[in-house]
Amino acid sequence: MKKILFRILILLIFSQVLYSQENIYDLRIIHWNDFHARNLPYNITKKKGDDTITYIIGGSAGLMGYIKQNRTNNSLLLYAGDDFQGSPISSLTRGESQIKLLNLYNIDALTLGNHDFDYTASRLDSMLKTVNFKYLAGNLYYMPENRSFGNLTYIKEVNNIKVGIIGIVTDELYSLTLPSNVESIYILNTDSCISKGIRELKDNKCDLIILLTHFGVDRDSIFAVKYHQDIDIIIGGHSHTAIQNPKRINGVLICQAGAYGRYLGKLDLKVDTENDTVVYYDGSLIETVFDSLIYDKGTQNIVETMEENIKPLFNRVIGILEVDWKAKGFNCNLGQWEADVFRTATNSDISFINSGGIRKDVPKGNITVRDIWEVNPFGNTLNTFKVSGKLLREMIENHFQKAQEAMDKGEYPDFLIFSGMIIIYNSEEMARKEAGFLKSIKVNGNEIEDGKLYQIASTNYVVAQINKYFGKLSEKITPVETNLIDRDILIKAVEDQKIINNLPEERLIDEAKKN
């Protein structure tokens, strides 16, 4: 026992000597990502033992308060993209509200996210001319002006540490937003841009190299494997992953702070500037639980001023929900209800909606206009098109195969939610790539007929990304624009139904799980 205590004492003394060396300096990185315009605080409900507890978190004022509480003279404030899209005020101002709020934080560097292009690249470029922080998007080229959309690198010295940052945006941008929004953007090769950024930062003798990304934790892990000899830290966004303690791959620290302002990331480092290495780290996520002593009153006043004129419209109660609406899952009742509404509104046989377009759950109780806007913030329009039963079968088979490819990669499958169909399949046969894994496709209670025409309704986003969801098809699809905005149709449906209590239906049935 004495030997163990002696060794511990020696290690403690050694660590104190190590950290007292002149070339060891402290750095704190504060970070967040994927705020999605959640300017107002919101409730979180979770289990604690046998009890269910509800508490308030987030909001711009809460986030600002926690940033101020944790910021020091030796800190760096980084944001990993997707501040736009998610609340009415962002949509109504086409992002201007968010730019005003971002300018309050004194951000050191921000990388852009895919949803920051939802009001068009031109609109974003115009607004970014008014910001007081460095914005990065080094792998995006802005063709109208023959330049990079944002800088590739940024260097800042903090507490004698020369920090170099490389900022890149997901290279799946074309498939993650409406094509018309990013038709002026050319995506450069990601690896080439990272390599170029590393060379620039090394030429400038940076002690620490940070990759600030909007790619998701899976791609960040790949970057850590590829570039571990040069990159020290990856601060990421996009996948909404709450990494409670840094993920360490080949010595590279990967951090991400969830989404919607629920968490603020904090990473404390000791950096050896002589050897350009991190000799100590301690990372965690801070939950932004409402605290009257922490939240920032100045920021709250600005948010309340923004909301003042729209409150009467958006807080209006339009119906009663008697069950919780869940947005996740292949047979989620919120998605099914929306798909039913779209099918009825367009007098179609079938409707499809993408699960990624449904942005939040809604608890039972009053349904407000704001709820519908926050569930469906994108303002997509409805399109219709007609296909034969034969092509419909091809579409469904391709869609399932693409889902399996995603699962083979360890990714969550992007199954569409639908109305008007019952599909029976065998997941085990699908995983083995066997023909005939689709057992039955019924439309309005009847097996589909190859020669029959079926009208399908979907959003303009899904139709614009038809190959993303249904693969390469043997026939061309010709959509008809209805000019019906999704949330307008949904608000009217709530008002007409008044009381809603729909439970999840088994529309997608896995035969393998029934046996």
Protein backbone atom coordinates (compact mmCIF):
# COMPACT_ATOMS: atom_id res chain seq x y z
CA MET A 1 0.00 0.00 0.00
CA LYS A 2 2.89 2.36 0.90
CA LYS A 3 4.51 1.62 -2.47
CA ILE A 4 1.28 2.54 -4.29
CA LEU A 5 0.92 5.78 -2.32
CA PHE A 6 4.57 6.62 -3.02
CA ARG A 7 4.09 6.07 -6.76
CA ILE A 8 0.96 8.26 -6.78
CA LEU A 9 2.88 10.98 -4.93
CA ILE A 10 5.71 10.79 -7.47
CA LEU A 11 3.22 11.05 -10.35
CA LEU A 12 1.53 14.06 -8.76
CA ILE A 13 4.86 15.79 -8.22
CA PHE A 14 5.92 14.96 -11.78
CA SER A 15 2.65 16.32 -13.20
CA GLN A 16 3.01 19.54 -11.20
CA VAL A 17 6.56 19.97 -12.50
CA LEU A 18 5.38 19.20 -16.03
CA TYR A 19 2.55 21.71 -15.94
CA SER A 20 4.69 24.40 -14.34
CA GLN A 21 7.07 24.43 -17.31
CA GLU A 22 7.09 27.68 -19.22
CA ASN A 23 5.94 26.09 -22.47
CA ILE A 24 2.71 24.62 -21.01
CA TYR A 25 -0.34 26.88 -21.41
CA ASP A 26 -4.04 26.59 -20.62
CA LEU A 27 -6.77 26.83 -23.23
CA ARG A 28 -10.52 26.43 -22.89
CA ILE A 29 -12.64 25.72 -25.97
CA ILE A 30 -16.35 26.51 -25.58
CA HIS A 31 -18.50 25.19 -28.39
CA TRP A 32 -22.01 24.41 -29.59
CA ASN A 33 -23.76 23.44 -32.80
CA ASP A 34 -27.14 22.97 -34.53
CA PHE A 35 -29.05 25.58 -32.55
CA HIS A 36 -31.76 25.75 -35.23
CA ALA A 37 -33.19 29.07 -34.08
CA ARG A 38 -34.35 27.76 -30.69
CA ASN A 39 -34.30 31.31 -29.37
CA LEU A 40 -36.97 30.65 -26.75
CA PRO A 41 -36.34 28.31 -23.78
CA TYR A 42 -38.22 25.01 -23.91
CA ASN A 43 -39.18 22.08 -21.70
CA ILE A 44 -37.31 18.80 -21.38
CA THR A 45 -39.03 15.77 -19.85
CA LYS A 46 -37.05 12.75 -18.73
CA LYS A 47 -37.18 9.82 -16.36
CA LYS A 48 -35.45 10.01 -12.99
CA GLY A 49 -35.93 6.70 -11.27
CA ASP A 50 -39.65 6.03 -11.12
CA ASP A 51 -40.50 9.70 -11.55
CA THR A 52 -40.84 11.87 -14.63
CA ILE A 53 -39.34 15.34 -14.28
CA THR A 54 -39.80 18.38 -16.49
CA TYR A 55 -37.52 21.39 -16.51
CA ILE A 56 -36.68 24.38 -18.70
CA ILE A 57 -33.51 24.60 -20.76
CA GLY A 58 -31.88 26.52 -23.55
CA GLY A 59 -32.99 29.56 -25.43
CA SER A 60 -30.64 32.27 -26.63
CA ALA A 61 -30.59 33.95 -23.21
CA GLY A 62 -29.83 30.70 -21.41
CA LEU A 63 -27.07 29.79 -23.84
CA MET A 64 -25.56 33.27 -23.59
CA GLY A 65 -25.62 33.11 -19.80
CA TYR A 66 -23.76 29.81 -19.70
CA ILE A 67 -21.25 31.06 -22.26
CA LYS A 68 -20.51 34.11 -20.13
CA GLN A 69 -20.25 32.00 -16.99
CA ASN A 70 -17.67 29.68 -18.55
CA ARG A 71 -15.72 32.09 -20.72
CA THR A 72 -12.28 33.15 -19.54
CA ASN A 73 -9.38 35.18 -20.92
CA ASN A 74 -7.89 31.90 -22.10
CA SER A 75 -10.91 30.66 -24.03
CA LEU A 76 -11.96 30.22 -27.63
CA LEU A 77 -15.65 30.27 -28.65
CA LEU A 78 -16.50 28.05 -31.65
CA TYR A 79 -19.79 27.25 -33.37
CA ALA A 80 -20.23 24.30 -35.73
CA GLY A 81 -23.13 25.48 -37.88
CA ASP A 82 -26.91 25.23 -38.51
CA ASP A 83 -28.26 28.25 -36.66
CA PHE A 84 -31.02 28.90 -39.20
CA GLN A 85 -34.36 27.18 -39.60
CA GLY A 86 -36.43 25.81 -36.76
CA SER A 87 -38.65 28.59 -35.45
CA PRO A 88 -41.14 31.05 -36.96
CA ILE A 89 -38.98 34.13 -36.40
CA SER A 90 -36.10 32.61 -38.39
CA SER A 91 -38.41 31.73 -41.27
CA LEU A 92 -40.24 35.08 -41.29
CA THR A 93 -37.00 37.09 -41.27
CA ARG A 94 -35.23 34.60 -43.58
CA GLY A 95 -32.39 34.25 -41.08
CA GLU A 96 -31.93 37.90 -40.13
CA SER A 97 -33.05 37.24 -36.54
CA GLN A 98 -30.33 34.65 -36.13
CA ILE A 99 -27.58 36.84 -37.56
CA LYS A 100 -28.50 39.56 -35.03
CA LEU A 101 -28.30 37.07 -32.17
CA LEU A 102 -25.06 35.46 -33.38
CA ASN A 103 -23.44 38.89 -33.37
CA LEU A 104 -24.07 39.10 -29.61
CA TYR A 105 -21.94 36.09 -28.66
CA ASN A 106 -18.48 37.40 -29.65
CA ILE A 107 -17.81 34.16 -31.49
CA ASP A 108 -14.20 33.54 -32.50
CA ALA A 109 -14.97 31.26 -35.45
CA LEU A 110 -18.05 29.64 -36.98
CA THR A 111 -18.37 27.06 -39.71
CA LEU A 112 -21.56 27.07 -41.74
CA GLY A 113 -24.10 24.24 -41.79
CA ASN A 114 -26.39 22.96 -44.53
CA HIS A 115 -29.51 24.58 -43.06
CA ASP A 116 -27.81 27.96 -43.10
CA PHE A 117 -28.40 27.81 -46.87
CA ASP A 118 -32.15 27.23 -46.55
CA TYR A 119 -32.95 30.83 -47.54
CA THR A 120 -30.59 30.56 -50.56
CA ALA A 121 -26.83 30.97 -50.79
CA SER A 122 -27.26 34.52 -52.06
CA ARG A 123 -29.31 35.51 -49.01
CA LEU A 124 -26.77 33.94 -46.65
CA ASP A 125 -23.84 35.60 -48.41
CA SER A 126 -25.54 38.98 -48.12
CA MET A 127 -26.21 38.59 -44.39
CA LEU A 128 -22.71 37.32 -43.62
CA LYS A 129 -21.35 40.67 -44.75
CA THR A 130 -22.81 42.11 -41.50
CA VAL A 131 -21.29 39.70 -38.98
CA ASN A 132 -18.58 40.46 -36.43
CA PHE A 133 -17.04 36.97 -36.35
CA LYS A 134 -14.94 34.83 -38.66
CA TYR A 135 -17.04 32.41 -40.70
CA LEU A 136 -15.49 29.42 -42.41
CA ALA A 137 -16.58 27.30 -45.35
CA GLY A 138 -13.34 26.58 -47.13
CA ASN A 139 -14.63 23.71 -49.25
CA LEU A 140 -17.48 25.72 -50.81
CA TYR A 141 -16.84 27.86 -53.90
CA TYR A 142 -19.23 30.72 -54.69
CA MET A 143 -19.49 30.74 -58.48
CA PRO A 144 -21.21 34.14 -59.01
CA GLU A 145 -18.20 35.90 -57.51
CA ASN A 146 -15.46 33.34 -58.27
CA ARG A 147 -14.36 32.99 -54.67
CA SER A 148 -14.56 30.75 -51.67
CA PHE A 149 -17.89 31.13 -49.88
CA GLY A 150 -16.05 31.37 -46.56
CA ASN A 151 -12.44 31.25 -45.44
CA LEU A 152 -10.71 27.89 -45.17
CA THR A 153 -8.57 28.78 -42.14
CA TYR A 154 -8.43 31.18 -39.22
CA ILE A 155 -5.57 31.76 -36.78
CA LYS A 156 -5.86 33.25 -33.32
CA GLU A 157 -3.36 33.42 -30.49
CA VAL A 158 -4.85 32.66 -27.07
CA ASN A 159 -2.68 32.62 -23.93
CA ASN A 160 0.53 32.24 -25.97
CA ILE A 161 -0.96 29.34 -27.94
CA LYS A 162 -1.16 29.88 -31.68
CA VAL A 163 -4.41 28.15 -32.61
CA GLY A 164 -5.19 27.30 -36.23
CA ILE A 165 -8.72 26.40 -37.30
CA ILE A 166 -9.88 24.74 -40.53
CA GLY A 167 -13.59 25.15 -41.31
CA ILE A 168 -15.47 22.84 -43.70
CA VAL A 169 -19.14 22.17 -44.52
CA THR A 170 -20.76 18.84 -45.38
CA ASP A 171 -20.06 17.74 -48.93
CA GLU A 172 -23.62 16.35 -49.09
CA LEU A 173 -24.96 19.90 -49.28
CA TYR A 174 -26.73 19.34 -52.61
CA SER A 175 -28.85 16.53 -51.20
CA LEU A 176 -29.54 18.19 -47.84
CA THR A 177 -31.27 21.32 -49.13
CA LEU A 178 -33.36 22.32 -52.09
CA PRO A 179 -31.10 22.27 -55.17
CA SER A 180 -32.24 25.77 -56.16
CA ASN A 181 -30.88 27.13 -52.85
CA VAL A 182 -27.33 26.03 -53.58
CA GLU A 183 -27.15 26.07 -57.39
CA SER A 184 -24.52 28.84 -57.12
CA ILE A 185 -22.27 26.70 -54.89
CA TYR A 186 -19.56 24.33 -56.13
CA ILE A 187 -18.32 21.82 -53.56
CA LEU A 188 -14.56 21.34 -53.62
CA ASN A 189 -12.84 18.09 -52.70
CA THR A 190 -12.95 17.78 -48.92
CA ASP A 191 -9.63 15.99 -48.43
CA SER A 192 -7.80 18.42 -50.69
CA CYS A 193 -9.18 21.35 -48.69
CA ILE A 194 -8.21 19.82 -45.34
CA SER A 195 -4.70 19.08 -46.61
CA LYS A 196 -4.37 22.63 -47.92
CA GLY A 197 -5.57 24.01 -44.60
CA ILE A 198 -3.06 21.92 -42.68
CA ARG A 199 -0.22 23.19 -44.87
CA GLU A 200 -1.32 26.80 -44.34
CA LEU A 201 -1.47 26.42 -40.57
CA LYS A 202 1.83 24.58 -40.36
CA ASP A 203 3.49 27.24 -42.51
CA ASN A 204 2.21 29.75 -39.95
CA LYS A 205 3.71 27.64 -37.14
CA CYS A 206 0.47 26.97 -35.29
CA ASP A 207 0.79 25.09 -32.00
CA LEU A 208 -2.69 23.57 -32.14
CA ILE A 209 -4.80 22.62 -35.19
CA ILE A 210 -8.59 22.35 -34.85
CA LEU A 211 -10.93 21.01 -37.52
CA LEU A 212 -14.28 22.80 -37.20
CA THR A 213 -16.77 20.74 -39.17
CA HIS A 214 -20.41 20.32 -40.08
CA PHE A 215 -20.19 16.69 -41.22
CA GLY A 216 -21.45 14.56 -38.32
CA VAL A 217 -19.61 12.35 -35.86
CA ASP A 218 -19.13 9.43 -38.28
CA ARG A 219 -17.27 11.53 -40.84
CA ASP A 220 -15.38 13.29 -38.05
CA SER A 221 -14.15 9.87 -36.91
CA ILE A 222 -12.87 9.19 -40.42
CA PHE A 223 -11.09 12.55 -40.46
CA ALA A 224 -9.44 11.63 -37.15
CA VAL A 225 -8.06 8.44 -38.70
CA LYS A 226 -6.83 10.20 -41.85
CA TYR A 227 -5.30 13.31 -40.32
CA HIS A 228 -4.27 12.29 -36.80
CA GLN A 229 -0.65 13.22 -37.46
CA ASP A 230 -1.59 16.86 -38.02
CA ILE A 231 -4.96 17.60 -36.40
CA ASP A 232 -5.35 17.76 -32.63
CA ILE A 233 -9.07 18.40 -32.13
CA ILE A 234 -12.30 18.15 -34.11
CA ILE A 235 -15.25 20.30 -33.03
CA GLY A 236 -18.25 19.07 -35.00
CA GLY A 237 -21.94 19.42 -35.74
CA HIS A 238 -24.67 18.10 -38.05
CA SER A 239 -25.44 14.70 -36.47
CA HIS A 240 -26.86 16.28 -33.27
CA THR A 241 -24.67 13.95 -31.21
CA ALA A 242 -24.26 14.80 -27.53
CA ILE A 243 -20.70 13.58 -26.82
CA GLN A 244 -20.54 13.86 -23.03
CA ASN A 245 -16.78 13.25 -22.92
CA PRO A 246 -14.48 13.72 -25.91
CA LYS A 247 -14.22 10.75 -28.24
CA ARG A 248 -10.55 9.95 -28.75
CA ILE A 249 -9.42 8.37 -32.04
CA ASN A 250 -5.69 8.04 -32.80
CA GLY A 251 -5.06 10.79 -30.27
CA VAL A 252 -7.51 13.22 -31.92
CA LEU A 253 -10.23 14.58 -29.60
CA ILE A 254 -13.71 14.67 -31.19
CA CYS A 255 -16.36 16.88 -29.58
CA GLN A 256 -19.99 17.68 -30.39
CA ALA A 257 -22.65 19.31 -28.20
CA GLY A 258 -25.97 17.77 -29.26
CA ALA A 259 -28.47 20.28 -30.67
CA TYR A 260 -31.02 23.02 -29.98
CA GLY A 261 -28.91 24.72 -27.31
CA ARG A 262 -29.54 22.03 -24.72
CA TYR A 263 -25.82 21.63 -24.11
CA LEU A 264 -22.77 23.84 -24.20
CA GLY A 265 -19.48 22.03 -24.78
CA LYS A 266 -16.44 22.81 -22.68
CA LEU A 267 -12.97 21.42 -23.38
CA ASP A 268 -10.09 22.38 -21.07
CA LEU A 269 -6.60 21.78 -22.43
CA LYS A 270 -2.97 22.12 -21.44
CA VAL A 271 -0.89 22.65 -24.55
CA ASP A 272 2.84 22.17 -24.87
CA THR A 273 3.78 24.90 -27.35
CA GLU A 274 7.36 23.69 -27.65
CA ASN A 275 6.27 20.26 -28.94
CA ASP A 276 2.86 21.35 -30.31
CA THR A 277 0.99 18.71 -28.33
CA VAL A 278 -1.96 18.46 -25.96
CA VAL A 279 -0.60 17.09 -22.68
CA TYR A 280 -3.88 17.19 -20.75
CA TYR A 281 -7.57 17.50 -21.54
CA ASP A 282 -10.89 17.47 -19.71
CA GLY A 283 -14.09 17.78 -21.72
CA SER A 284 -17.76 17.78 -20.79
CA LEU A 285 -21.19 19.02 -21.78
CA ILE A 286 -22.99 21.58 -19.63
CA GLU A 287 -26.78 21.33 -19.73
CA THR A 288 -28.25 24.83 -20.07
CA VAL A 289 -30.85 24.39 -17.32
CA PHE A 290 -32.74 27.62 -16.65
CA ASP A 291 -31.25 29.58 -13.77
CA SER A 292 -32.38 33.12 -13.03
CA LEU A 293 -28.84 33.98 -11.90
CA ILE A 294 -27.25 32.71 -15.12
CA TYR A 295 -29.52 33.55 -18.06
CA ASP A 296 -28.66 36.78 -19.86
CA LYS A 297 -31.36 39.42 -19.45
CA GLY A 298 -30.06 41.61 -22.27
CA THR A 299 -30.29 38.77 -24.77
CA GLN A 300 -33.72 37.84 -23.44
CA ASN A 301 -34.96 41.40 -24.02
CA ILE A 302 -33.81 41.24 -27.64
CA VAL A 303 -35.53 37.88 -28.18
CA GLU A 304 -38.75 39.14 -26.58
CA THR A 305 -38.71 42.24 -28.80
CA MET A 306 -38.37 40.00 -31.87
CA GLU A 307 -41.25 37.83 -30.71
CA GLU A 308 -43.57 40.63 -29.58
CA ASN A 309 -45.33 41.24 -32.90
CA ILE A 310 -45.76 37.58 -33.82
CA LYS A 311 -46.96 36.19 -30.48
CA PRO A 312 -50.70 36.79 -31.05
CA LEU A 313 -50.56 34.83 -34.32
CA PHE A 314 -48.23 32.02 -33.34
CA ASN A 315 -49.47 31.37 -29.81
CA ARG A 316 -53.04 30.98 -31.06
CA VAL A 317 -54.56 27.64 -30.02
CA ILE A 318 -55.97 25.80 -33.04
CA GLY A 319 -56.80 22.38 -31.59
CA ILE A 320 -56.42 19.83 -28.82
CA LEU A 321 -54.01 16.88 -28.90
CA GLU A 322 -55.12 13.99 -26.69
CA VAL A 323 -52.00 11.84 -27.27
CA ASP A 324 -48.33 12.72 -27.55
CA TRP A 325 -47.21 13.23 -31.13
CA LYS A 326 -43.91 11.43 -31.72
CA ALA A 327 -41.69 12.45 -34.63
CA LYS A 328 -39.26 9.51 -34.63
CA GLY A 329 -39.69 5.95 -35.83
CA PHE A 330 -40.89 4.24 -38.99
CA ASN A 331 -44.49 4.23 -37.73
CA CYS A 332 -44.52 7.50 -35.80
CA ASN A 333 -48.00 8.94 -35.26
CA LEU A 334 -47.04 12.56 -36.03
CA GLY A 335 -45.53 11.63 -39.39
CA GLN A 336 -48.47 9.39 -40.22
CA TRP A 337 -50.96 12.13 -39.40
CA GLU A 338 -49.12 14.62 -41.62
CA ALA A 339 -48.88 12.13 -44.48
CA ASP A 340 -52.63 11.46 -44.18
CA VAL A 341 -53.34 15.20 -44.36
CA PHE A 342 -51.17 15.66 -47.47
CA ARG A 343 -52.79 12.70 -49.22
CA THR A 344 -56.28 13.99 -48.50
CA ALA A 345 -55.46 17.60 -49.43
CA THR A 346 -54.18 16.54 -52.87
CA ASN A 347 -56.73 13.76 -53.46
CA SER A 348 -53.84 11.33 -53.99
CA ASP A 349 -53.59 7.57 -53.56
CA ILE A 350 -50.32 7.73 -51.63
CA SER A 351 -48.21 10.35 -49.90
CA PHE A 352 -44.59 10.30 -48.76
CA ILE A 353 -42.82 12.62 -46.34
CA ASN A 354 -39.19 12.52 -45.19
CA SER A 355 -38.74 11.94 -41.48
CA GLY A 356 -35.93 14.52 -41.37
CA GLY A 357 -38.45 17.22 -42.23
CA ILE A 358 -40.34 16.62 -38.97
CA ARG A 359 -38.33 18.60 -36.44
CA LYS A 360 -39.89 18.00 -33.03
CA ASP A 361 -42.34 16.01 -30.90
CA VAL A 362 -45.51 17.67 -29.65
CA PRO A 363 -46.83 16.77 -26.18
CA LYS A 364 -50.55 16.28 -25.63
CA GLY A 365 -52.48 19.43 -24.81
CA ASN A 366 -53.16 22.57 -26.79
CA ILE A 367 -51.85 22.71 -30.35
CA THR A 368 -50.71 26.18 -31.40
CA VAL A 369 -49.77 27.68 -34.74
CA ARG A 370 -46.21 27.84 -33.40
CA ASP A 371 -46.19 24.07 -32.85
CA ILE A 372 -46.98 23.43 -36.52
CA TRP A 373 -44.35 25.91 -37.70
CA GLU A 374 -41.71 24.39 -35.42
CA VAL A 375 -42.56 20.85 -36.52
CA ASN A 376 -42.43 21.97 -40.18
CA PRO A 377 -40.11 24.99 -40.35
CA PHE A 378 -39.08 24.70 -44.00
CA GLY A 379 -42.23 25.93 -45.72
CA ASN A 380 -42.11 23.20 -48.36
CA THR A 381 -44.81 23.01 -51.00
CA LEU A 382 -46.69 19.88 -52.04
CA ASN A 383 -46.03 18.25 -55.41
CA THR A 384 -47.97 15.43 -57.05
CA PHE A 385 -46.95 12.95 -59.74
CA LYS A 386 -48.34 9.79 -61.29
CA VAL A 387 -46.58 6.45 -61.63
CA SER A 388 -47.53 2.98 -62.77
CA GLY A 389 -47.78 0.17 -60.26
CA LYS A 390 -44.64 -1.29 -61.83
CA LEU A 391 -42.65 1.90 -61.25
CA LEU A 392 -44.10 2.24 -57.74
CA ARG A 393 -42.81 -1.24 -56.91
CA GLU A 394 -39.37 -0.26 -58.27
CA MET A 395 -39.40 2.90 -56.15
CA ILE A 396 -40.24 1.01 -52.96
CA GLU A 397 -37.65 -1.69 -53.61
CA ASN A 398 -34.94 0.90 -54.31
CA HIS A 399 -35.91 2.85 -51.20
CA PHE A 400 -35.55 -0.22 -48.99
CA GLN A 401 -32.24 -1.16 -50.59
CA LYS A 402 -30.88 2.33 -49.92
CA ALA A 403 -32.02 2.00 -46.31
CA GLN A 404 -30.15 -1.30 -46.03
CA GLU A 405 -27.01 0.28 -47.46
CA ALA A 406 -27.21 2.92 -44.73
CA MET A 407 -27.63 0.27 -42.03
CA ASP A 408 -24.67 -1.68 -43.42
CA LYS A 409 -22.58 1.45 -42.82
CA GLY A 410 -23.90 1.75 -39.26
CA GLU A 411 -26.07 4.74 -40.18
CA TYR A 412 -29.71 5.32 -39.32
CA PRO A 413 -31.91 4.52 -42.37
CA ASP A 414 -33.84 7.45 -43.78
CA PHE A 415 -37.15 5.66 -44.25
CA LEU A 416 -39.94 7.77 -45.68
CA ILE A 417 -43.21 7.95 -43.77
CA PHE A 418 -46.24 7.23 -45.93
CA SER A 419 -50.02 7.21 -46.13
CA GLY A 420 -52.31 5.06 -48.26
CA MET A 421 -50.07 1.98 -48.23
CA ILE A 422 -49.33 -1.08 -46.13
CA ILE A 423 -45.92 -2.62 -46.82
CA ILE A 424 -44.81 -6.02 -45.56
CA TYR A 425 -41.14 -6.94 -45.88
CA ASN A 426 -38.56 -9.27 -44.36
CA SER A 427 -35.61 -7.41 -42.85
CA GLU A 428 -33.46 -10.55 -42.60
CA GLU A 429 -33.87 -11.32 -46.30
CA MET A 430 -33.25 -7.64 -47.11
CA ALA A 431 -30.01 -7.71 -45.09
CA ARG A 432 -28.90 -10.77 -47.07
CA LYS A 433 -29.70 -8.91 -50.33
CA GLU A 434 -32.23 -11.60 -51.31
CA ALA A 435 -34.73 -10.95 -54.08
CA GLY A 436 -38.31 -11.03 -52.92
CA PHE A 437 -37.74 -9.41 -49.53
CA LEU A 438 -40.79 -7.25 -50.29
CA LYS A 439 -43.77 -9.46 -49.52
CA SER A 440 -46.71 -7.17 -50.08
CA ILE A 441 -47.48 -3.59 -51.15
CA LYS A 442 -51.10 -2.64 -50.74
CA VAL A 443 -52.58 0.67 -51.81
CA ASN A 444 -55.94 1.48 -50.24
CA GLY A 445 -56.26 -2.15 -49.19
CA ASN A 446 -55.45 -3.74 -52.57
CA GLU A 447 -52.21 -5.22 -53.92
CA ILE A 448 -50.67 -2.85 -56.45
CA GLU A 449 -51.27 -3.56 -60.13
CA ASP A 450 -48.39 -3.05 -62.56
CA GLY A 451 -50.55 -1.41 -65.22
CA LYS A 452 -52.54 0.88 -62.95
CA LEU A 453 -51.66 4.55 -62.44
CA TYR A 454 -51.29 5.87 -58.88
CA GLN A 455 -51.08 9.51 -57.85
CA ILE A 456 -48.45 10.31 -55.25
CA ALA A 457 -48.11 13.46 -53.16
CA SER A 458 -44.92 14.60 -51.47
CA THR A 459 -43.03 17.76 -50.62
CA ASN A 460 -41.04 19.64 -53.22
CA TYR A 461 -37.90 18.71 -51.26
CA VAL A 462 -38.48 14.94 -51.60
CA VAL A 463 -39.39 15.33 -55.28
CA ALA A 464 -36.27 17.43 -55.92
CA GLN A 465 -34.20 14.71 -54.22
CA ILE A 466 -36.05 11.81 -55.87
CA ASN A 467 -32.84 9.85 -56.58
CA LYS A 468 -31.72 10.26 -52.99
CA TYR A 469 -34.83 8.48 -51.74
CA PHE A 470 -35.70 6.14 -54.62
CA GLY A 471 -32.44 5.59 -56.46
CA LYS A 472 -32.05 5.70 -60.22
CA LEU A 473 -35.45 4.94 -61.77
CA SER A 474 -36.22 3.39 -65.13
CA GLU A 475 -38.78 6.10 -65.93
CA LYS A 476 -38.78 9.86 -65.52
CA ILE A 477 -41.10 11.40 -62.96
CA THR A 478 -42.92 14.59 -63.93
CA PRO A 479 -44.08 16.51 -60.84
CA VAL A 480 -46.95 18.99 -60.69
CA GLU A 481 -46.50 21.94 -58.33
CA THR A 482 -49.65 22.52 -56.25
CA ASN A 483 -48.32 25.70 -54.56
CA LEU A 484 -49.87 24.40 -51.33
CA ILE A 485 -47.52 25.12 -48.40
CA ASP A 486 -47.21 22.15 -46.05
CA ARG A 487 -47.74 23.99 -42.76
CA ASP A 488 -50.74 25.94 -44.09
CA ILE A 489 -52.43 22.66 -44.98
CA LEU A 490 -51.55 21.20 -41.56
CA ILE A 491 -52.86 24.21 -39.63
CA LYS A 492 -56.16 24.00 -41.49
CA ALA A 493 -56.36 20.26 -40.79
CA VAL A 494 -55.91 20.83 -37.05
CA GLU A 495 -58.58 23.54 -37.09
CA ASP A 496 -60.97 21.25 -38.98
CA GLN A 497 -60.37 18.20 -36.76
CA LYS A 498 -60.29 20.21 -33.52
CA ILE A 499 -59.49 17.15 -31.36
CA ILE A 500 -56.73 14.75 -32.48
CA ASN A 501 -55.96 11.42 -30.87
CA ASN A 502 -54.33 9.31 -33.59
CA LEU A 503 -52.22 6.36 -32.42
CA PRO A 504 -49.35 4.84 -34.46
CA GLU A 505 -50.48 2.39 -37.13
CA GLU A 506 -48.48 -0.55 -38.45
CA ARG A 507 -48.03 0.60 -42.02
CA LEU A 508 -44.50 -0.74 -42.32
CA ILE A 509 -44.50 -4.36 -41.12
CA ASP A 510 -41.37 -6.47 -40.71
CA GLU A 511 -42.31 -10.11 -41.29
CA ALA A 512 -39.06 -11.26 -39.64
CA LYS A 513 -40.13 -9.76 -36.33
CA LYS A 514 -43.54 -11.40 -36.46
CA ASN A 515 -42.13 -14.95 -36.63
